[in-house]
């Protein structure tokens, strides 16, 4: 809830955040934006650890998925110890959430950052095609693994976990020839270096649904907080990520599902592209695409294409 301070015009919101560099920086950015929009508002960051931050020696899909990054934050909201949280939207489960979120809602999706993945190499290699033969590439994502192997079957795709700065450190220590991460994270954490980080064409590596977007989540019954958070909502970004998440829902995707999706709009033209890999994160990869003048007519044609191409069978691992 919003707590009254010494002046009737002052309010304090408690913002729950993970302790990673990226989480703290993007949460502070949201806090600063809200305070600029609402004079008299104070936003306090409450840092907490999530299961996903603590257990680093196993892939996320073996532990319960990306919901491990949101579980403790959502529990804190339900307990009333924080008023809202900022998620990297791609970490918010579409199916099988680890917390009953029926009394929580995404109140706002700020303007989306660049959704692409980025290739990081010490030599500043421009493309996946330019990597040395049998290069060792670090990523913990089954989606990235499937698409990278489809483009370059010779690559040695190895799991890597940890915060963004930790992954970059492992590259510098020589554990990998390259690592692949979300471009938006490097930008928000002020770690982007154009000399060694090269955005990857979505035609080669399609991003995760909602990648590059933030989700501002609060209790549904907290009308005043919702109203404050909605001041940061960007309708086009919100529409796009909702559509990408609808794809995951329609395919009954879970943490073992290598699904990429990217919805884009502009000048009255909307497009949706999706890729699906096998459940073990291996090729083949199937692709579907549709263009429309209406956000609401994008999902069904793409789902039909994916199902016709055998996506459900691939995702079920049979």
C-alpha atoms as a PDB file:
ATOM      1  CA  UNK A   1       0.000   0.000   0.000  1.00  0.00           C
ATOM      2  CA  UNK A   2       0.976   3.646  -0.274  1.00  0.00           C
ATOM      3  CA  UNK A   3       2.112   5.023   3.066  1.00  0.00           C
ATOM      4  CA  UNK A   4       1.408   8.636   4.070  1.00  0.00           C
ATOM      5  CA  UNK A   5       4.402  10.731   5.089  1.00  0.00           C
ATOM      6  CA  UNK A   6       4.674  14.064   6.908  1.00  0.00           C
ATOM      7  CA  UNK A   7       2.856  15.920   4.153  1.00  0.00           C
ATOM      8  CA  UNK A   8      -0.511  14.864   2.791  1.00  0.00           C
ATOM      9  CA  UNK A   9       0.932  15.263  -0.700  1.00  0.00           C
ATOM     10  CA  UNK A  10       3.799  12.853  -0.060  1.00  0.00           C
ATOM     11  CA  UNK A  11       3.567   9.121  -0.568  1.00  0.00           C
ATOM     12  CA  UNK A  12       6.057   6.281  -0.287  1.00  0.00           C
ATOM     13  CA  UNK A  13       6.030   3.175  -2.437  1.00  0.00           C
ATOM     14  CA  UNK A  14       8.178   0.163  -1.550  1.00  0.00           C
ATOM     15  CA  UNK A  15       9.736  -1.369  -4.661  1.00  0.00           C
ATOM     16  CA  UNK A  16      10.967  -4.951  -4.367  1.00  0.00           C
ATOM     17  CA  UNK A  17      13.994  -5.832  -6.498  1.00  0.00           C
ATOM     18  CA  UNK A  18      16.528  -8.584  -6.967  1.00  0.00           C
ATOM     19  CA  UNK A  19      20.063  -7.742  -5.916  1.00  0.00           C
ATOM     20  CA  UNK A  20      21.799  -8.178  -9.269  1.00  0.00           C
ATOM     21  CA  UNK A  21      23.399  -5.183 -10.939  1.00  0.00           C
ATOM     22  CA  UNK A  22      20.867  -5.250 -13.766  1.00  0.00           C
ATOM     23  CA  UNK A  23      17.837  -5.661 -11.498  1.00  0.00           C
ATOM     24  CA  UNK A  24      18.903  -2.811  -9.219  1.00  0.00           C
ATOM     25  CA  UNK A  25      19.687  -0.466 -12.094  1.00  0.00           C
ATOM     26  CA  UNK A  26      16.439  -1.060 -13.952  1.00  0.00           C
ATOM     27  CA  UNK A  27      14.447  -0.819 -10.721  1.00  0.00           C
ATOM     28  CA  UNK A  28      16.167   2.460  -9.861  1.00  0.00           C
ATOM     29  CA  UNK A  29      15.393   3.746 -13.348  1.00  0.00           C
ATOM     30  CA  UNK A  30      11.711   2.955 -12.833  1.00  0.00           C
ATOM     31  CA  UNK A  31      11.783   4.586  -9.390  1.00  0.00           C
ATOM     32  CA  UNK A  32      13.354   7.743 -10.829  1.00  0.00           C
ATOM     33  CA  UNK A  33      10.843   7.888 -13.676  1.00  0.00           C
ATOM     34  CA  UNK A  34       7.890   7.520 -11.314  1.00  0.00           C
ATOM     35  CA  UNK A  35       9.163  10.189  -8.955  1.00  0.00           C
ATOM     36  CA  UNK A  36       9.632  12.583 -11.877  1.00  0.00           C
ATOM     37  CA  UNK A  37       6.064  11.959 -13.023  1.00  0.00           C
ATOM     38  CA  UNK A  38       4.534  12.241  -9.550  1.00  0.00           C
ATOM     39  CA  UNK A  39       5.818  15.146  -7.419  1.00  0.00           C
ATOM     40  CA  UNK A  40       5.764  14.212  -3.752  1.00  0.00           C
ATOM     41  CA  UNK A  41       6.151  10.499  -4.483  1.00  0.00           C
ATOM     42  CA  UNK A  42       9.036   8.641  -2.868  1.00  0.00           C
ATOM     43  CA  UNK A  43      10.043   5.170  -4.085  1.00  0.00           C
ATOM     44  CA  UNK A  44      12.230   3.030  -1.811  1.00  0.00           C
ATOM     45  CA  UNK A  45      14.122   0.019  -3.143  1.00  0.00           C
ATOM     46  CA  UNK A  46      13.895  -3.147  -1.037  1.00  0.00           C
ATOM     47  CA  UNK A  47      16.564  -5.616  -2.221  1.00  0.00           C
ATOM     48  CA  UNK A  48      15.911  -9.348  -1.814  1.00  0.00           C
ATOM     49  CA  UNK A  49      17.398 -12.602  -3.051  1.00  0.00           C
ATOM     50  CA  UNK A  50      15.453 -14.989  -5.247  1.00  0.00           C
ATOM     51  CA  UNK A  51      15.993 -18.722  -5.687  1.00  0.00           C
ATOM     52  CA  UNK A  52      17.247 -18.063  -9.204  1.00  0.00           C
ATOM     53  CA  UNK A  53      20.000 -15.852  -7.806  1.00  0.00           C
ATOM     54  CA  UNK A  54      21.115 -18.366  -5.183  1.00  0.00           C
ATOM     55  CA  UNK A  55      21.247 -21.653  -7.138  1.00  0.00           C
ATOM     56  CA  UNK A  56      23.725 -21.120  -9.972  1.00  0.00           C
ATOM     57  CA  UNK A  57      25.162 -24.565 -10.653  1.00  0.00           C
ATOM     58  CA  UNK A  58      22.209 -25.978 -12.625  1.00  0.00           C
ATOM     59  CA  UNK A  59      20.283 -24.795 -15.708  1.00  0.00           C
ATOM     60  CA  UNK A  60      17.067 -22.913 -14.951  1.00  0.00           C
ATOM     61  CA  UNK A  61      14.916 -25.405 -16.855  1.00  0.00           C
ATOM     62  CA  UNK A  62      16.050 -28.111 -14.419  1.00  0.00           C
ATOM     63  CA  UNK A  63      15.094 -26.024 -11.382  1.00  0.00           C
ATOM     64  CA  UNK A  64      11.623 -24.829 -12.312  1.00  0.00           C
ATOM     65  CA  UNK A  65      12.200 -22.152 -14.929  1.00  0.00           C
ATOM     66  CA  UNK A  66      12.532 -18.405 -14.890  1.00  0.00           C
ATOM     67  CA  UNK A  67       9.758 -18.155 -12.316  1.00  0.00           C
ATOM     68  CA  UNK A  68      12.578 -18.679  -9.816  1.00  0.00           C
ATOM     69  CA  UNK A  69      13.505 -15.041 -10.475  1.00  0.00           C
ATOM     70  CA  UNK A  70      10.000 -13.788  -9.642  1.00  0.00           C
ATOM     71  CA  UNK A  71       8.806 -16.135  -6.876  1.00  0.00           C
ATOM     72  CA  UNK A  72      10.125 -14.326  -3.788  1.00  0.00           C
ATOM     73  CA  UNK A  73       9.248 -10.902  -5.209  1.00  0.00           C
ATOM     74  CA  UNK A  74       5.642 -11.943  -5.788  1.00  0.00           C
ATOM     75  CA  UNK A  75       5.444 -13.534  -2.341  1.00  0.00           C
ATOM     76  CA  UNK A  76       6.633 -10.256  -0.820  1.00  0.00           C
ATOM     77  CA  UNK A  77       3.856  -8.387  -2.601  1.00  0.00           C
ATOM     78  CA  UNK A  78       1.259 -10.875  -1.434  1.00  0.00           C
ATOM     79  CA  UNK A  79       2.582 -10.541   2.131  1.00  0.00           C
ATOM     80  CA  UNK A  80       2.367  -6.744   1.900  1.00  0.00           C
ATOM     81  CA  UNK A  81       6.073  -6.145   2.569  1.00  0.00           C
ATOM     82  CA  UNK A  82       6.525  -4.376  -0.790  1.00  0.00           C
ATOM     83  CA  UNK A  83       4.019  -2.480  -2.927  1.00  0.00           C
ATOM     84  CA  UNK A  84       5.249  -3.341  -6.409  1.00  0.00           C
ATOM     85  CA  UNK A  85       8.111  -5.000  -8.266  1.00  0.00           C
ATOM     86  CA  UNK A  86       9.922  -4.587 -11.552  1.00  0.00           C
ATOM     87  CA  UNK A  87      10.488  -7.770 -13.547  1.00  0.00           C
ATOM     88  CA  UNK A  88      12.362  -8.395 -16.748  1.00  0.00           C
ATOM     89  CA  UNK A  89       9.126  -9.417 -18.475  1.00  0.00           C
ATOM     90  CA  UNK A  90      10.668 -12.465 -20.131  1.00  0.00           C
ATOM     91  CA  UNK A  91      11.242 -13.893 -16.617  1.00  0.00           C
ATOM     92  CA  UNK A  92       7.525 -13.829 -15.772  1.00  0.00           C
ATOM     93  CA  UNK A  93       6.046 -17.327 -16.377  1.00  0.00           C
ATOM     94  CA  UNK A  94       3.203 -17.588 -18.881  1.00  0.00           C
ATOM     95  CA  UNK A  95       2.214 -21.086 -17.746  1.00  0.00           C
ATOM     96  CA  UNK A  96       2.793 -22.908 -14.462  1.00  0.00           C
ATOM     97  CA  UNK A  97       3.680 -19.912 -12.246  1.00  0.00           C
ATOM     98  CA  UNK A  98       5.374 -20.805  -8.973  1.00  0.00           C
ATOM     99  CA  UNK A  99       3.106 -18.403  -7.048  1.00  0.00           C
ATOM    100  CA  UNK A 100      -0.672 -17.932  -7.140  1.00  0.00           C
ATOM    101  CA  UNK A 101      -0.762 -14.599  -8.984  1.00  0.00           C
ATOM    102  CA  UNK A 102      -4.553 -14.318  -9.245  1.00  0.00           C
ATOM    103  CA  UNK A 103      -4.512 -11.262  -6.961  1.00  0.00           C
ATOM    104  CA  UNK A 104      -1.554  -9.636  -8.745  1.00  0.00           C
ATOM    105  CA  UNK A 105      -1.409  -7.914 -12.115  1.00  0.00           C
ATOM    106  CA  UNK A 106       0.971  -6.309 -14.578  1.00  0.00           C
ATOM    107  CA  UNK A 107      -0.060  -2.684 -14.263  1.00  0.00           C
ATOM    108  CA  UNK A 108       2.436  -1.230 -16.713  1.00  0.00           C
ATOM    109  CA  UNK A 109       4.913  -2.080 -19.467  1.00  0.00           C
ATOM    110  CA  UNK A 110       7.270   0.860 -20.116  1.00  0.00           C
ATOM    111  CA  UNK A 111       8.644   1.525 -23.592  1.00  0.00           C
ATOM    112  CA  UNK A 112      10.518  -1.580 -24.661  1.00  0.00           C
ATOM    113  CA  UNK A 113      14.292  -1.576 -25.032  1.00  0.00           C
ATOM    114  CA  UNK A 114      15.926  -3.333 -28.020  1.00  0.00           C
ATOM    115  CA  UNK A 115      14.623  -6.920 -27.976  1.00  0.00           C
ATOM    116  CA  UNK A 116      17.560  -8.545 -29.767  1.00  0.00           C
ATOM    117  CA  UNK A 117      20.204 -10.853 -28.355  1.00  0.00           C
ATOM    118  CA  UNK A 118      23.832  -9.777 -28.457  1.00  0.00           C
ATOM    119  CA  UNK A 119      26.979 -11.737 -29.314  1.00  0.00           C
ATOM    120  CA  UNK A 120      29.895 -10.929 -27.021  1.00  0.00           C
ATOM    121  CA  UNK A 121      33.439 -11.887 -28.035  1.00  0.00           C
ATOM    122  CA  UNK A 122      36.785 -10.447 -27.009  1.00  0.00           C
ATOM    123  CA  UNK A 123      37.660 -10.087 -30.705  1.00  0.00           C
ATOM    124  CA  UNK A 124      34.474  -8.170 -31.511  1.00  0.00           C
ATOM    125  CA  UNK A 125      33.219 -10.737 -34.056  1.00  0.00           C
ATOM    126  CA  UNK A 126      30.244  -9.261 -35.908  1.00  0.00           C
ATOM    127  CA  UNK A 127      28.050 -12.295 -36.544  1.00  0.00           C
ATOM    128  CA  UNK A 128      27.359 -15.866 -35.470  1.00  0.00           C
ATOM    129  CA  UNK A 129      28.592 -16.943 -38.920  1.00  0.00           C
ATOM    130  CA  UNK A 130      31.925 -15.286 -38.161  1.00  0.00           C
ATOM    131  CA  UNK A 131      32.682 -17.358 -35.056  1.00  0.00           C
ATOM    132  CA  UNK A 132      35.634 -19.772 -35.324  1.00  0.00           C
ATOM    133  CA  UNK A 133      34.842 -23.383 -36.129  1.00  0.00           C
ATOM    134  CA  UNK A 134      33.786 -25.362 -33.044  1.00  0.00           C
ATOM    135  CA  UNK A 135      33.676 -22.177 -30.978  1.00  0.00           C
ATOM    136  CA  UNK A 136      32.507 -22.630 -27.387  1.00  0.00           C
ATOM    137  CA  UNK A 137      29.470 -20.421 -26.819  1.00  0.00           C
ATOM    138  CA  UNK A 138      27.977 -19.827 -23.384  1.00  0.00           C
ATOM    139  CA  UNK A 139      24.219 -19.625 -22.913  1.00  0.00           C
ATOM    140  CA  UNK A 140      21.774 -21.215 -20.494  1.00  0.00           C
ATOM    141  CA  UNK A 141      18.828 -20.782 -22.884  1.00  0.00           C
ATOM    142  CA  UNK A 142      17.334 -23.718 -24.787  1.00  0.00           C
ATOM    143  CA  UNK A 143      15.859 -21.189 -27.235  1.00  0.00           C
ATOM    144  CA  UNK A 144      19.284 -19.766 -28.038  1.00  0.00           C
ATOM    145  CA  UNK A 145      20.862 -23.218 -28.150  1.00  0.00           C
ATOM    146  CA  UNK A 146      18.382 -24.527 -30.745  1.00  0.00           C
ATOM    147  CA  UNK A 147      18.701 -21.517 -33.025  1.00  0.00           C
ATOM    148  CA  UNK A 148      22.480 -21.217 -32.749  1.00  0.00           C
ATOM    149  CA  UNK A 149      22.919 -24.889 -33.623  1.00  0.00           C
ATOM    150  CA  UNK A 150      20.508 -24.508 -36.533  1.00  0.00           C
ATOM    151  CA  UNK A 151      22.721 -21.727 -37.866  1.00  0.00           C
ATOM    152  CA  UNK A 152      26.057 -23.338 -36.905  1.00  0.00           C
ATOM    153  CA  UNK A 153      25.880 -27.087 -36.111  1.00  0.00           C
ATOM    154  CA  UNK A 154      29.597 -27.141 -35.266  1.00  0.00           C
ATOM    155  CA  UNK A 155      29.288 -24.805 -32.275  1.00  0.00           C
ATOM    156  CA  UNK A 156      29.912 -26.132 -28.774  1.00  0.00           C
ATOM    157  CA  UNK A 157      26.992 -24.674 -26.812  1.00  0.00           C
ATOM    158  CA  UNK A 158      27.768 -24.761 -23.094  1.00  0.00           C
ATOM    159  CA  UNK A 159      25.523 -23.721 -20.192  1.00  0.00           C
ATOM    160  CA  UNK A 160      26.372 -20.568 -18.276  1.00  0.00           C
ATOM    161  CA  UNK A 161      24.523 -19.020 -15.334  1.00  0.00           C
ATOM    162  CA  UNK A 162      25.047 -15.992 -13.162  1.00  0.00           C
ATOM    163  CA  UNK A 163      24.478 -12.287 -13.407  1.00  0.00           C
ATOM    164  CA  UNK A 164      25.310 -10.401 -16.576  1.00  0.00           C
ATOM    165  CA  UNK A 165      28.634  -9.113 -15.260  1.00  0.00           C
ATOM    166  CA  UNK A 166      29.505 -12.652 -14.102  1.00  0.00           C
ATOM    167  CA  UNK A 167      28.915 -14.084 -17.576  1.00  0.00           C
ATOM    168  CA  UNK A 168      31.047 -11.415 -19.190  1.00  0.00           C
ATOM    169  CA  UNK A 169      33.746 -12.180 -16.608  1.00  0.00           C
ATOM    170  CA  UNK A 170      33.733 -15.864 -17.598  1.00  0.00           C
ATOM    171  CA  UNK A 171      34.278 -14.853 -21.215  1.00  0.00           C
ATOM    172  CA  UNK A 172      37.242 -12.689 -20.229  1.00  0.00           C
ATOM    173  CA  UNK A 173      38.663 -15.563 -18.166  1.00  0.00           C
ATOM    174  CA  UNK A 174      38.744 -17.735 -21.281  1.00  0.00           C
ATOM    175  CA  UNK A 175      35.958 -20.160 -20.336  1.00  0.00           C
ATOM    176  CA  UNK A 176      34.140 -19.340 -23.582  1.00  0.00           C
ATOM    177  CA  UNK A 177      34.881 -18.024 -27.054  1.00  0.00           C
ATOM    178  CA  UNK A 178      31.603 -16.125 -26.930  1.00  0.00           C
ATOM    179  CA  UNK A 179      28.563 -15.604 -24.755  1.00  0.00           C
ATOM    180  CA  UNK A 180      25.076 -14.618 -25.867  1.00  0.00           C
ATOM    181  CA  UNK A 181      22.832 -12.490 -23.666  1.00  0.00           C
ATOM    182  CA  UNK A 182      19.929 -10.078 -24.066  1.00  0.00           C
ATOM    183  CA  UNK A 183      21.051  -6.768 -25.561  1.00  0.00           C
ATOM    184  CA  UNK A 184      18.606  -4.807 -23.391  1.00  0.00           C
ATOM    185  CA  UNK A 185      20.310  -5.986 -20.220  1.00  0.00           C
ATOM    186  CA  UNK A 186      23.723  -4.768 -21.336  1.00  0.00           C
ATOM    187  CA  UNK A 187      22.239  -1.366 -22.182  1.00  0.00           C
ATOM    188  CA  UNK A 188      20.268  -0.966 -18.949  1.00  0.00           C
ATOM    189  CA  UNK A 189      23.228  -2.086 -16.828  1.00  0.00           C
ATOM    190  CA  UNK A 190      25.461   0.363 -18.725  1.00  0.00           C
ATOM    191  CA  UNK A 191      27.737  -2.497 -19.738  1.00  0.00           C
ATOM    192  CA  UNK A 192      27.219  -2.284 -23.506  1.00  0.00           C
ATOM    193  CA  UNK A 193      30.503  -1.991 -25.412  1.00  0.00           C
ATOM    194  CA  UNK A 194      30.086  -1.728 -29.178  1.00  0.00           C
ATOM    195  CA  UNK A 195      33.647  -2.954 -29.739  1.00  0.00           C
ATOM    196  CA  UNK A 196      32.987  -6.427 -28.346  1.00  0.00           C
ATOM    197  CA  UNK A 197      29.175  -6.662 -28.344  1.00  0.00           C
ATOM    198  CA  UNK A 198      27.316  -7.134 -31.621  1.00  0.00           C
ATOM    199  CA  UNK A 199      23.500  -7.350 -31.840  1.00  0.00           C
ATOM    200  CA  UNK A 200      22.325 -10.531 -33.540  1.00  0.00           C
ATOM    201  CA  UNK A 201      19.912 -10.332 -36.472  1.00  0.00           C
ATOM    202  CA  UNK A 202      16.519 -11.786 -35.370  1.00  0.00           C
ATOM    203  CA  UNK A 203      16.537 -13.758 -38.634  1.00  0.00           C
ATOM    204  CA  UNK A 204      19.403 -15.750 -37.074  1.00  0.00           C
ATOM    205  CA  UNK A 205      18.373 -15.642 -33.418  1.00  0.00           C
ATOM    206  CA  UNK A 206      14.813 -14.640 -32.570  1.00  0.00           C
ATOM    207  CA  UNK A 207      14.470 -13.243 -29.031  1.00  0.00           C
ATOM    208  CA  UNK A 208      12.436 -14.691 -26.198  1.00  0.00           C
ATOM    209  CA  UNK A 209       8.826 -13.564 -25.831  1.00  0.00           C
ATOM    210  CA  UNK A 210       8.770 -10.175 -24.032  1.00  0.00           C
ATOM    211  CA  UNK A 211      12.581  -9.842 -24.157  1.00  0.00           C
ATOM    212  CA  UNK A 212      13.667  -6.234 -23.714  1.00  0.00           C
ATOM    213  CA  UNK A 213      10.480  -5.287 -21.858  1.00  0.00           C
ATOM    214  CA  UNK A 214       9.943  -4.530 -18.177  1.00  0.00           C
ATOM    215  CA  UNK A 215       6.818  -5.506 -16.236  1.00  0.00           C
ATOM    216  CA  UNK A 216       5.629  -3.386 -13.319  1.00  0.00           C
ATOM    217  CA  UNK A 217       3.539  -5.688 -11.120  1.00  0.00           C
ATOM    218  CA  UNK A 218       1.415  -4.868  -8.086  1.00  0.00           C
ATOM    219  CA  UNK A 219      -1.589  -6.121  -6.140  1.00  0.00           C
ATOM    220  CA  UNK A 220      -4.804  -5.919  -8.179  1.00  0.00           C
ATOM    221  CA  UNK A 221      -6.710  -4.395  -5.264  1.00  0.00           C
ATOM    222  CA  UNK A 222      -4.168  -1.583  -4.820  1.00  0.00           C
ATOM    223  CA  UNK A 223      -5.937   0.929  -7.062  1.00  0.00           C
ATOM    224  CA  UNK A 224      -3.765   3.903  -6.157  1.00  0.00           C
ATOM    225  CA  UNK A 225      -0.478   2.121  -6.870  1.00  0.00           C
ATOM    226  CA  UNK A 226      -1.860   0.792 -10.152  1.00  0.00           C
ATOM    227  CA  UNK A 227      -2.778   4.314 -11.197  1.00  0.00           C
ATOM    228  CA  UNK A 228       0.735   5.563 -10.450  1.00  0.00           C
ATOM    229  CA  UNK A 229       2.399   2.688 -12.327  1.00  0.00           C
ATOM    230  CA  UNK A 230       0.154   3.108 -15.373  1.00  0.00           C
ATOM    231  CA  UNK A 231       1.747   6.504 -15.988  1.00  0.00           C
ATOM    232  CA  UNK A 232       4.756   4.598 -17.394  1.00  0.00           C
ATOM    233  CA  UNK A 233       2.780   2.274 -19.664  1.00  0.00           C
ATOM    234  CA  UNK A 234       3.575   2.256 -23.384  1.00  0.00           C
ATOM    235  CA  UNK A 235       0.542   0.775 -25.197  1.00  0.00           C
ATOM    236  CA  UNK A 236       2.469  -0.428 -28.257  1.00  0.00           C
ATOM    237  CA  UNK A 237       5.098  -2.215 -26.158  1.00  0.00           C
ATOM    238  CA  UNK A 238       2.351  -3.683 -23.959  1.00  0.00           C
ATOM    239  CA  UNK A 239       0.410  -4.969 -26.983  1.00  0.00           C
ATOM    240  CA  UNK A 240       3.516  -6.520 -28.525  1.00  0.00           C
ATOM    241  CA  UNK A 241       4.638  -8.451 -25.451  1.00  0.00           C
ATOM    242  CA  UNK A 242       1.096  -9.596 -24.701  1.00  0.00           C
ATOM    243  CA  UNK A 243       0.899 -11.085 -28.195  1.00  0.00           C
ATOM    244  CA  UNK A 244       4.268 -12.829 -27.816  1.00  0.00           C
ATOM    245  CA  UNK A 245       3.135 -14.306 -24.501  1.00  0.00           C
ATOM    246  CA  UNK A 246      -0.118 -15.475 -26.118  1.00  0.00           C
ATOM    247  CA  UNK A 247       2.013 -17.637 -28.417  1.00  0.00           C
ATOM    248  CA  UNK A 248       3.613 -19.379 -25.435  1.00  0.00           C
ATOM    249  CA  UNK A 249       0.184 -19.901 -23.857  1.00  0.00           C
ATOM    250  CA  UNK A 250      -1.317 -21.310 -27.064  1.00  0.00           C
ATOM    251  CA  UNK A 251       1.609 -23.740 -27.388  1.00  0.00           C
ATOM    252  CA  UNK A 252       1.402 -24.616 -23.673  1.00  0.00           C
ATOM    253  CA  UNK A 253       5.046 -23.662 -23.395  1.00  0.00           C
ATOM    254  CA  UNK A 254       7.025 -24.187 -20.214  1.00  0.00           C
ATOM    255  CA  UNK A 255      10.633 -23.809 -19.049  1.00  0.00           C
ATOM    256  CA  UNK A 256      11.662 -26.659 -21.381  1.00  0.00           C
ATOM    257  CA  UNK A 257      10.146 -24.979 -24.456  1.00  0.00           C
ATOM    258  CA  UNK A 258      12.578 -23.325 -26.915  1.00  0.00           C
ATOM    259  CA  UNK A 259      10.183 -20.661 -28.205  1.00  0.00           C
ATOM    260  CA  UNK A 260      11.153 -17.348 -29.764  1.00  0.00           C
ATOM    261  CA  UNK A 261       8.640 -14.647 -30.633  1.00  0.00           C
ATOM    262  CA  UNK A 262       8.820 -11.048 -31.794  1.00  0.00           C
ATOM    263  CA  UNK A 263       5.828  -8.793 -32.486  1.00  0.00           C
ATOM    264  CA  UNK A 264       6.484  -5.428 -34.085  1.00  0.00           C
ATOM    265  CA  UNK A 265       4.279  -2.582 -35.229  1.00  0.00           C
ATOM    266  CA  UNK A 266       4.428   0.724 -36.997  1.00  0.00           C
ATOM    267  CA  UNK A 267       2.650   2.774 -39.670  1.00  0.00           C
ATOM    268  CA  UNK A 268      -0.475   0.642 -39.442  1.00  0.00           C
ATOM    269  CA  UNK A 269       1.430  -2.603 -40.093  1.00  0.00           C
ATOM    270  CA  UNK A 270       1.948  -5.261 -37.415  1.00  0.00           C
ATOM    271  CA  UNK A 271       4.007  -8.425 -37.771  1.00  0.00           C
ATOM    272  CA  UNK A 272       4.604 -11.499 -35.650  1.00  0.00           C
ATOM    273  CA  UNK A 273       7.444 -13.968 -36.145  1.00  0.00           C
ATOM    274  CA  UNK A 274       7.893 -17.122 -34.063  1.00  0.00           C
ATOM    275  CA  UNK A 275      10.352 -19.990 -33.924  1.00  0.00           C
ATOM    276  CA  UNK A 276      10.083 -23.318 -32.138  1.00  0.00           C
ATOM    277  CA  UNK A 277      12.873 -25.817 -31.484  1.00  0.00           C
ATOM    278  CA  UNK A 278      12.886 -29.304 -30.058  1.00  0.00           C
ATOM    279  CA  UNK A 279      12.339 -29.771 -26.330  1.00  0.00           C
ATOM    280  CA  UNK A 280      15.995 -30.663 -25.770  1.00  0.00           C
ATOM    281  CA  UNK A 281      17.147 -27.395 -27.324  1.00  0.00           C
ATOM    282  CA  UNK A 282      18.331 -28.974 -30.548  1.00  0.00           C
ATOM    283  CA  UNK A 283      17.436 -28.369 -34.213  1.00  0.00           C
ATOM    284  CA  UNK A 284      15.387 -28.524 -36.323  1.00  0.00           C
ATOM    285  CA  UNK A 285      13.809 -25.110 -35.830  1.00  0.00           C
ATOM    286  CA  UNK A 286      10.519 -24.202 -37.450  1.00  0.00           C
ATOM    287  CA  UNK A 287       9.464 -20.645 -38.211  1.00  0.00           C
ATOM    288  CA  UNK A 288       6.096 -18.926 -38.681  1.00  0.00           C
ATOM    289  CA  UNK A 289       5.314 -15.351 -39.694  1.00  0.00           C
ATOM    290  CA  UNK A 290       2.228 -13.223 -40.253  1.00  0.00           C
ATOM    291  CA  UNK A 291       1.543  -9.586 -41.087  1.00  0.00           C
ATOM    292  CA  UNK A 292      -1.675  -7.738 -40.303  1.00  0.00           C
ATOM    293  CA  UNK A 293      -3.148  -4.283 -39.795  1.00  0.00           C
ATOM    294  CA  UNK A 294      -4.597  -5.399 -36.450  1.00  0.00           C
ATOM    295  CA  UNK A 295      -2.748  -6.662 -33.349  1.00  0.00           C
ATOM    296  CA  UNK A 296      -5.671  -8.970 -32.555  1.00  0.00           C
ATOM    297  CA  UNK A 297      -5.373 -10.971 -35.774  1.00  0.00           C
ATOM    298  CA  UNK A 298      -1.706 -11.911 -35.517  1.00  0.00           C
ATOM    299  CA  UNK A 299      -1.674 -14.886 -33.171  1.00  0.00           C
ATOM    300  CA  UNK A 300      -4.111 -17.362 -34.718  1.00  0.00           C
ATOM    301  CA  UNK A 301      -2.492 -17.591 -38.186  1.00  0.00           C
ATOM    302  CA  UNK A 302       0.961 -18.052 -36.633  1.00  0.00           C
ATOM    303  CA  UNK A 303      -0.283 -20.780 -34.290  1.00  0.00           C
ATOM    304  CA  UNK A 304      -1.893 -22.577 -37.237  1.00  0.00           C
ATOM    305  CA  UNK A 305       1.385 -22.462 -39.154  1.00  0.00           C
ATOM    306  CA  UNK A 306       3.349 -23.773 -36.179  1.00  0.00           C
ATOM    307  CA  UNK A 307       0.919 -26.591 -35.463  1.00  0.00           C
ATOM    308  CA  UNK A 308       0.847 -27.607 -39.129  1.00  0.00           C
ATOM    309  CA  UNK A 309       4.632 -27.796 -39.111  1.00  0.00           C
ATOM    310  CA  UNK A 310       4.640 -30.088 -36.049  1.00  0.00           C
ATOM    311  CA  UNK A 311       5.465 -27.627 -33.294  1.00  0.00           C
ATOM    312  CA  UNK A 312       3.352 -29.357 -30.645  1.00  0.00           C
ATOM    313  CA  UNK A 313       5.105 -32.668 -31.230  1.00  0.00           C
ATOM    314  CA  UNK A 314       8.519 -30.995 -31.024  1.00  0.00           C
ATOM    315  CA  UNK A 315       7.660 -29.228 -27.783  1.00  0.00           C
ATOM    316  CA  UNK A 316       6.303 -32.405 -26.232  1.00  0.00           C
ATOM    317  CA  UNK A 317       9.528 -34.230 -27.045  1.00  0.00           C
ATOM    318  CA  UNK A 318       7.842 -37.039 -28.884  1.00  0.00           C
END
